[in-house]
Amino acid sequence: MESGYLTILIYIGAVVFLSAAILGMSAWVGVKRPTREKLSPYECGIQPVGDARERFSISFYLVGMLFILFDVEAVFLYPWAVVYKELKWFGFTEMLLYILILLAGYVYIWKKGALDWSR
């Protein structure tokens, strides 16, 4: 039992040592020639405008959280599709109920205006 934990401990130690060695060698050997162009932030090829610490609208965060929420819930459809034939009608009705609840939540946030960018 201890040999299993010892193997994992040795592996973790080797990973930490190797990571530190690679980062250390890169910092020590790497060429450092900073220029104004290299130190400027890169924004898809266009010149940066404004402050990097500018505040975003709360709608940006809300839409992001809603996307993650509905995306994660859509992931539950994949395991259901794999075992669909084994579940028969029970699985179909349960997934139909799940999708209806998900759709009700989507309609609710749509009616509340959470997805409206123009306000």
N, C-alpha and C. Protein backbone atom coordinates (compact mmCIF):
# COMPACT_ATOMS: atom_id res chain seq x y z
N MET A 1 0.83 -1.19 0.00
CA MET A 1 0.00 0.00 0.00
C MET A 1 0.87 1.25 0.00
N GLU A 2 1.93 1.27 0.79
CA GLU A 2 2.80 2.44 0.84
C GLU A 2 3.57 2.63 -0.45
N SER A 3 3.89 1.57 -1.14
CA SER A 3 4.68 1.69 -2.37
C SER A 3 3.91 2.44 -3.45
N GLY A 4 2.58 2.32 -3.47
CA GLY A 4 1.75 3.06 -4.43
C GLY A 4 1.83 4.55 -4.17
N TYR A 5 1.75 4.94 -2.88
CA TYR A 5 1.85 6.35 -2.53
C TYR A 5 3.26 6.88 -2.76
N LEU A 6 4.25 6.04 -2.50
CA LEU A 6 5.64 6.45 -2.70
C LEU A 6 5.92 6.70 -4.18
N THR A 7 5.36 5.88 -5.03
CA THR A 7 5.52 6.06 -6.48
C THR A 7 4.90 7.38 -6.93
N ILE A 8 3.72 7.68 -6.43
CA ILE A 8 3.06 8.94 -6.78
C ILE A 8 3.85 10.12 -6.25
N LEU A 9 4.38 10.01 -5.04
CA LEU A 9 5.18 11.08 -4.45
C LEU A 9 6.46 11.32 -5.26
N ILE A 10 7.10 10.25 -5.68
CA ILE A 10 8.30 10.39 -6.52
C ILE A 10 7.94 11.04 -7.86
N TYR A 11 6.83 10.64 -8.43
CA TYR A 11 6.38 11.21 -9.70
C TYR A 11 6.11 12.71 -9.56
N ILE A 12 5.40 13.11 -8.50
CA ILE A 12 5.11 14.53 -8.27
C ILE A 12 6.40 15.31 -8.06
N GLY A 13 7.33 14.73 -7.31
CA GLY A 13 8.62 15.39 -7.10
C GLY A 13 9.38 15.57 -8.40
N ALA A 14 9.36 14.54 -9.25
CA ALA A 14 10.04 14.64 -10.54
C ALA A 14 9.40 15.70 -11.43
N VAL A 15 8.09 15.78 -11.42
CA VAL A 15 7.38 16.78 -12.22
C VAL A 15 7.71 18.19 -11.74
N VAL A 16 7.70 18.40 -10.43
CA VAL A 16 8.02 19.72 -9.88
C VAL A 16 9.46 20.09 -10.21
N PHE A 17 10.38 19.15 -10.04
CA PHE A 17 11.79 19.43 -10.33
C PHE A 17 12.00 19.75 -11.81
N LEU A 18 11.40 18.94 -12.69
CA LEU A 18 11.56 19.15 -14.13
C LEU A 18 10.94 20.48 -14.56
N SER A 19 9.78 20.83 -14.03
CA SER A 19 9.14 22.11 -14.36
C SER A 19 10.01 23.27 -13.91
N ALA A 20 10.52 23.21 -12.69
CA ALA A 20 11.38 24.28 -12.17
C ALA A 20 12.67 24.37 -13.00
N ALA A 21 13.24 23.23 -13.38
CA ALA A 21 14.47 23.23 -14.17
C ALA A 21 14.24 23.84 -15.54
N ILE A 22 13.13 23.51 -16.20
CA ILE A 22 12.84 24.06 -17.52
C ILE A 22 12.61 25.56 -17.44
N LEU A 23 11.82 26.02 -16.47
CA LEU A 23 11.58 27.46 -16.32
C LEU A 23 12.85 28.21 -15.95
N GLY A 24 13.66 27.62 -15.07
CA GLY A 24 14.92 28.26 -14.68
C GLY A 24 15.89 28.37 -15.84
N MET A 25 16.04 27.30 -16.61
CA MET A 25 16.94 27.33 -17.76
C MET A 25 16.45 28.33 -18.82
N SER A 26 15.16 28.41 -19.01
CA SER A 26 14.61 29.35 -19.97
C SER A 26 14.90 30.79 -19.54
N ALA A 27 14.74 31.08 -18.26
CA ALA A 27 15.02 32.44 -17.78
C ALA A 27 16.51 32.75 -17.81
N TRP A 28 17.33 31.75 -17.59
CA TRP A 28 18.79 31.97 -17.53
C TRP A 28 19.41 32.08 -18.92
N VAL A 29 19.00 31.18 -19.83
CA VAL A 29 19.61 31.10 -21.15
C VAL A 29 18.91 32.01 -22.17
N GLY A 30 17.64 32.28 -21.97
CA GLY A 30 16.85 33.02 -22.96
C GLY A 30 17.41 34.40 -23.27
N VAL A 31 17.26 34.80 -24.53
CA VAL A 31 17.73 36.11 -24.97
C VAL A 31 16.71 37.16 -24.56
N LYS A 32 17.21 38.22 -23.96
CA LYS A 32 16.33 39.30 -23.50
C LYS A 32 16.71 40.59 -24.22
N ARG A 33 15.94 40.96 -25.22
CA ARG A 33 16.14 42.22 -25.93
C ARG A 33 14.81 42.96 -26.00
N PRO A 34 14.39 43.56 -24.90
CA PRO A 34 13.09 44.23 -24.91
C PRO A 34 13.12 45.50 -25.77
N THR A 35 12.13 45.64 -26.60
CA THR A 35 11.95 46.86 -27.39
C THR A 35 10.56 47.41 -27.10
N ARG A 36 10.33 48.61 -27.57
CA ARG A 36 9.02 49.24 -27.33
C ARG A 36 7.91 48.42 -27.98
N GLU A 37 8.18 47.89 -29.15
CA GLU A 37 7.18 47.10 -29.86
C GLU A 37 6.91 45.77 -29.17
N LYS A 38 7.95 45.13 -28.64
CA LYS A 38 7.76 43.85 -27.96
C LYS A 38 7.02 44.01 -26.64
N LEU A 39 7.19 45.14 -25.98
CA LEU A 39 6.56 45.35 -24.68
C LEU A 39 5.14 45.90 -24.77
N SER A 40 4.70 46.26 -25.98
CA SER A 40 3.34 46.78 -26.12
C SER A 40 2.34 45.62 -26.15
N PRO A 41 1.14 45.84 -25.64
CA PRO A 41 0.14 44.77 -25.66
C PRO A 41 -0.32 44.48 -27.09
N TYR A 42 -0.59 43.22 -27.37
CA TYR A 42 -1.01 42.80 -28.70
C TYR A 42 -2.52 42.60 -28.71
N GLU A 43 -3.19 43.29 -29.62
CA GLU A 43 -4.64 43.17 -29.72
C GLU A 43 -5.03 42.86 -31.17
N CYS A 44 -4.76 41.69 -31.63
CA CYS A 44 -5.16 41.21 -32.94
C CYS A 44 -4.64 42.08 -34.08
N GLY A 45 -3.47 42.63 -33.93
CA GLY A 45 -2.87 43.38 -35.01
C GLY A 45 -3.23 44.84 -35.06
N ILE A 46 -4.16 45.29 -34.22
CA ILE A 46 -4.51 46.70 -34.22
C ILE A 46 -3.84 47.41 -33.04
N GLN A 47 -3.65 48.69 -33.19
CA GLN A 47 -3.06 49.47 -32.11
C GLN A 47 -4.00 49.49 -30.91
N PRO A 48 -3.46 49.25 -29.70
CA PRO A 48 -4.32 49.27 -28.52
C PRO A 48 -4.86 50.68 -28.25
N VAL A 49 -6.12 50.74 -27.89
CA VAL A 49 -6.75 52.02 -27.55
C VAL A 49 -7.37 51.90 -26.17
N GLY A 50 -7.34 52.98 -25.44
CA GLY A 50 -7.97 53.00 -24.13
C GLY A 50 -7.12 52.34 -23.06
N ASP A 51 -7.70 52.26 -21.88
CA ASP A 51 -7.02 51.69 -20.73
C ASP A 51 -7.35 50.21 -20.62
N ALA A 52 -6.39 49.41 -20.23
CA ALA A 52 -6.61 47.97 -20.08
C ALA A 52 -7.51 47.67 -18.87
N ARG A 53 -7.63 48.61 -17.96
CA ARG A 53 -8.43 48.40 -16.76
C ARG A 53 -9.82 49.03 -16.89
N GLU A 54 -10.29 49.18 -18.12
CA GLU A 54 -11.60 49.75 -18.37
C GLU A 54 -12.68 48.81 -17.87
N ARG A 55 -13.74 49.37 -17.33
CA ARG A 55 -14.83 48.55 -16.81
C ARG A 55 -15.70 48.02 -17.94
N PHE A 56 -16.14 46.79 -17.79
CA PHE A 56 -17.05 46.18 -18.76
C PHE A 56 -18.47 46.30 -18.24
N SER A 57 -19.40 46.28 -19.16
CA SER A 57 -20.81 46.28 -18.79
C SER A 57 -21.14 44.96 -18.08
N ILE A 58 -22.07 45.02 -17.16
CA ILE A 58 -22.48 43.81 -16.44
C ILE A 58 -23.12 42.81 -17.40
N SER A 59 -23.67 43.30 -18.52
CA SER A 59 -24.28 42.40 -19.50
C SER A 59 -23.25 41.43 -20.08
N PHE A 60 -22.02 41.89 -20.21
CA PHE A 60 -20.96 41.02 -20.72
C PHE A 60 -20.78 39.81 -19.81
N TYR A 61 -20.69 40.05 -18.51
CA TYR A 61 -20.50 38.97 -17.55
C TYR A 61 -21.74 38.09 -17.45
N LEU A 62 -22.91 38.72 -17.49
CA LEU A 62 -24.15 37.96 -17.39
C LEU A 62 -24.32 37.01 -18.56
N VAL A 63 -24.08 37.49 -19.77
CA VAL A 63 -24.19 36.64 -20.95
C VAL A 63 -23.14 35.54 -20.90
N GLY A 64 -21.94 35.86 -20.41
CA GLY A 64 -20.90 34.84 -20.28
C GLY A 64 -21.30 33.74 -19.31
N MET A 65 -21.85 34.13 -18.16
CA MET A 65 -22.28 33.12 -17.18
C MET A 65 -23.44 32.29 -17.71
N LEU A 66 -24.37 32.94 -18.40
CA LEU A 66 -25.50 32.19 -18.97
C LEU A 66 -25.04 31.22 -20.05
N PHE A 67 -24.06 31.64 -20.85
CA PHE A 67 -23.52 30.73 -21.87
C PHE A 67 -22.91 29.51 -21.21
N ILE A 68 -22.11 29.71 -20.16
CA ILE A 68 -21.49 28.59 -19.47
C ILE A 68 -22.56 27.68 -18.86
N LEU A 69 -23.56 28.29 -18.26
CA LEU A 69 -24.64 27.52 -17.63
C LEU A 69 -25.34 26.62 -18.64
N PHE A 70 -25.76 27.19 -19.76
CA PHE A 70 -26.49 26.40 -20.75
C PHE A 70 -25.57 25.45 -21.50
N ASP A 71 -24.31 25.81 -21.63
CA ASP A 71 -23.35 24.91 -22.28
C ASP A 71 -23.10 23.67 -21.42
N VAL A 72 -22.96 23.86 -20.12
CA VAL A 72 -22.73 22.74 -19.21
C VAL A 72 -23.96 21.84 -19.18
N GLU A 73 -25.12 22.43 -19.20
CA GLU A 73 -26.33 21.61 -19.18
C GLU A 73 -26.50 20.85 -20.49
N ALA A 74 -26.03 21.41 -21.58
CA ALA A 74 -26.12 20.70 -22.86
C ALA A 74 -25.18 19.50 -22.89
N VAL A 75 -24.13 19.53 -22.09
CA VAL A 75 -23.19 18.40 -22.02
C VAL A 75 -23.89 17.15 -21.49
N PHE A 76 -24.92 17.32 -20.68
CA PHE A 76 -25.64 16.16 -20.15
C PHE A 76 -26.40 15.40 -21.22
N LEU A 77 -26.55 15.99 -22.38
CA LEU A 77 -27.24 15.29 -23.46
C LEU A 77 -26.39 14.17 -24.06
N TYR A 78 -25.08 14.29 -24.01
CA TYR A 78 -24.20 13.28 -24.60
C TYR A 78 -24.27 11.93 -23.89
N PRO A 79 -24.15 11.86 -22.54
CA PRO A 79 -24.29 10.54 -21.91
C PRO A 79 -25.67 9.93 -22.13
N TRP A 80 -26.68 10.79 -22.17
CA TRP A 80 -28.03 10.28 -22.42
C TRP A 80 -28.12 9.67 -23.82
N ALA A 81 -27.50 10.32 -24.80
CA ALA A 81 -27.55 9.80 -26.17
C ALA A 81 -26.82 8.47 -26.29
N VAL A 82 -25.80 8.27 -25.47
CA VAL A 82 -25.03 7.01 -25.53
C VAL A 82 -25.88 5.84 -25.04
N VAL A 83 -26.65 6.04 -23.98
CA VAL A 83 -27.44 4.95 -23.40
C VAL A 83 -28.92 5.07 -23.74
N TYR A 84 -29.24 5.79 -24.79
CA TYR A 84 -30.64 6.04 -25.15
C TYR A 84 -31.42 4.75 -25.38
N LYS A 85 -30.85 3.78 -26.08
CA LYS A 85 -31.57 2.54 -26.39
C LYS A 85 -31.86 1.70 -25.15
N GLU A 86 -30.98 1.79 -24.17
CA GLU A 86 -31.17 1.01 -22.94
C GLU A 86 -32.25 1.62 -22.05
N LEU A 87 -32.43 2.93 -22.11
CA LEU A 87 -33.38 3.61 -21.22
C LEU A 87 -34.82 3.54 -21.72
N LYS A 88 -35.00 3.36 -22.99
CA LYS A 88 -36.31 3.23 -23.64
C LYS A 88 -37.17 4.46 -23.37
N TRP A 89 -38.45 4.29 -23.10
CA TRP A 89 -39.37 5.41 -22.93
C TRP A 89 -39.11 6.19 -21.65
N PHE A 90 -38.68 5.52 -20.61
CA PHE A 90 -38.40 6.22 -19.36
C PHE A 90 -37.30 7.27 -19.57
N GLY A 91 -36.23 6.88 -20.24
CA GLY A 91 -35.15 7.82 -20.52
C GLY A 91 -35.59 8.95 -21.43
N PHE A 92 -36.46 8.63 -22.39
CA PHE A 92 -36.94 9.66 -23.29
C PHE A 92 -37.79 10.69 -22.55
N THR A 93 -38.69 10.23 -21.69
CA THR A 93 -39.54 11.18 -20.97
C THR A 93 -38.73 11.99 -19.96
N GLU A 94 -37.76 11.37 -19.32
CA GLU A 94 -36.92 12.12 -18.38
C GLU A 94 -36.11 13.20 -19.09
N MET A 95 -35.56 12.87 -20.25
CA MET A 95 -34.78 13.86 -20.99
C MET A 95 -35.70 14.93 -21.57
N LEU A 96 -36.90 14.57 -21.97
CA LEU A 96 -37.86 15.56 -22.44
C LEU A 96 -38.21 16.54 -21.32
N LEU A 97 -38.40 16.03 -20.11
CA LEU A 97 -38.66 16.89 -18.96
C LEU A 97 -37.46 17.80 -18.67
N TYR A 98 -36.27 17.24 -18.76
CA TYR A 98 -35.04 18.02 -18.55
C TYR A 98 -34.93 19.14 -19.58
N ILE A 99 -35.20 18.84 -20.84
CA ILE A 99 -35.10 19.85 -21.89
C ILE A 99 -36.20 20.90 -21.72
N LEU A 100 -37.39 20.51 -21.28
CA LEU A 100 -38.45 21.48 -21.04
C LEU A 100 -38.10 22.44 -19.90
N ILE A 101 -37.49 21.93 -18.84
CA ILE A 101 -37.04 22.79 -17.74
C ILE A 101 -35.95 23.74 -18.23
N LEU A 102 -35.03 23.23 -19.02
CA LEU A 102 -33.97 24.05 -19.60
C LEU A 102 -34.56 25.11 -20.51
N LEU A 103 -35.53 24.74 -21.32
CA LEU A 103 -36.18 25.69 -22.22
C LEU A 103 -36.96 26.75 -21.44
N ALA A 104 -37.59 26.36 -20.34
CA ALA A 104 -38.30 27.32 -19.50
C ALA A 104 -37.33 28.35 -18.91
N GLY A 105 -36.16 27.90 -18.49
CA GLY A 105 -35.14 28.83 -17.99
C GLY A 105 -34.65 29.76 -19.07
N TYR A 106 -34.48 29.24 -20.28
CA TYR A 106 -34.04 30.07 -21.40
C TYR A 106 -35.10 31.13 -21.74
N VAL A 107 -36.36 30.73 -21.79
CA VAL A 107 -37.44 31.69 -22.07
C VAL A 107 -37.51 32.74 -20.97
N TYR A 108 -37.32 32.33 -19.72
CA TYR A 108 -37.35 33.27 -18.60
C TYR A 108 -36.26 34.34 -18.74
N ILE A 109 -35.03 33.93 -19.02
CA ILE A 109 -33.97 34.93 -19.13
C ILE A 109 -34.14 35.78 -20.39
N TRP A 110 -34.77 35.22 -21.41
CA TRP A 110 -35.03 35.99 -22.62
C TRP A 110 -36.08 37.07 -22.33
N LYS A 111 -37.15 36.69 -21.62
CA LYS A 111 -38.20 37.65 -21.28
C LYS A 111 -37.71 38.72 -20.31
N LYS A 112 -36.77 38.37 -19.44
CA LYS A 112 -36.20 39.33 -18.49
C LYS A 112 -35.26 40.32 -19.18
N GLY A 113 -34.84 40.00 -20.41
CA GLY A 113 -33.95 40.88 -21.16
C GLY A 113 -32.49 40.68 -20.86
N ALA A 114 -32.12 39.54 -20.31
CA ALA A 114 -30.72 39.29 -19.97
C ALA A 114 -29.85 39.12 -21.21
N LEU A 115 -30.46 38.77 -22.34
CA LEU A 115 -29.69 38.57 -23.56
C LEU A 115 -29.72 39.77 -24.48
N ASP A 116 -30.34 40.87 -24.04
CA ASP A 116 -30.47 42.07 -24.86
C ASP A 116 -29.24 42.94 -24.70
N TRP A 117 -28.49 43.13 -25.77
CA TRP A 117 -27.27 43.92 -25.72
C TRP A 117 -27.52 45.41 -25.89
N SER A 118 -28.67 45.79 -26.39
CA SER A 118 -28.91 47.20 -26.73
C SER A 118 -29.30 48.06 -25.54
N ARG A 119 -29.62 47.51 -24.41
CA ARG A 119 -30.05 48.35 -23.29
C ARG A 119 -28.89 48.88 -22.50
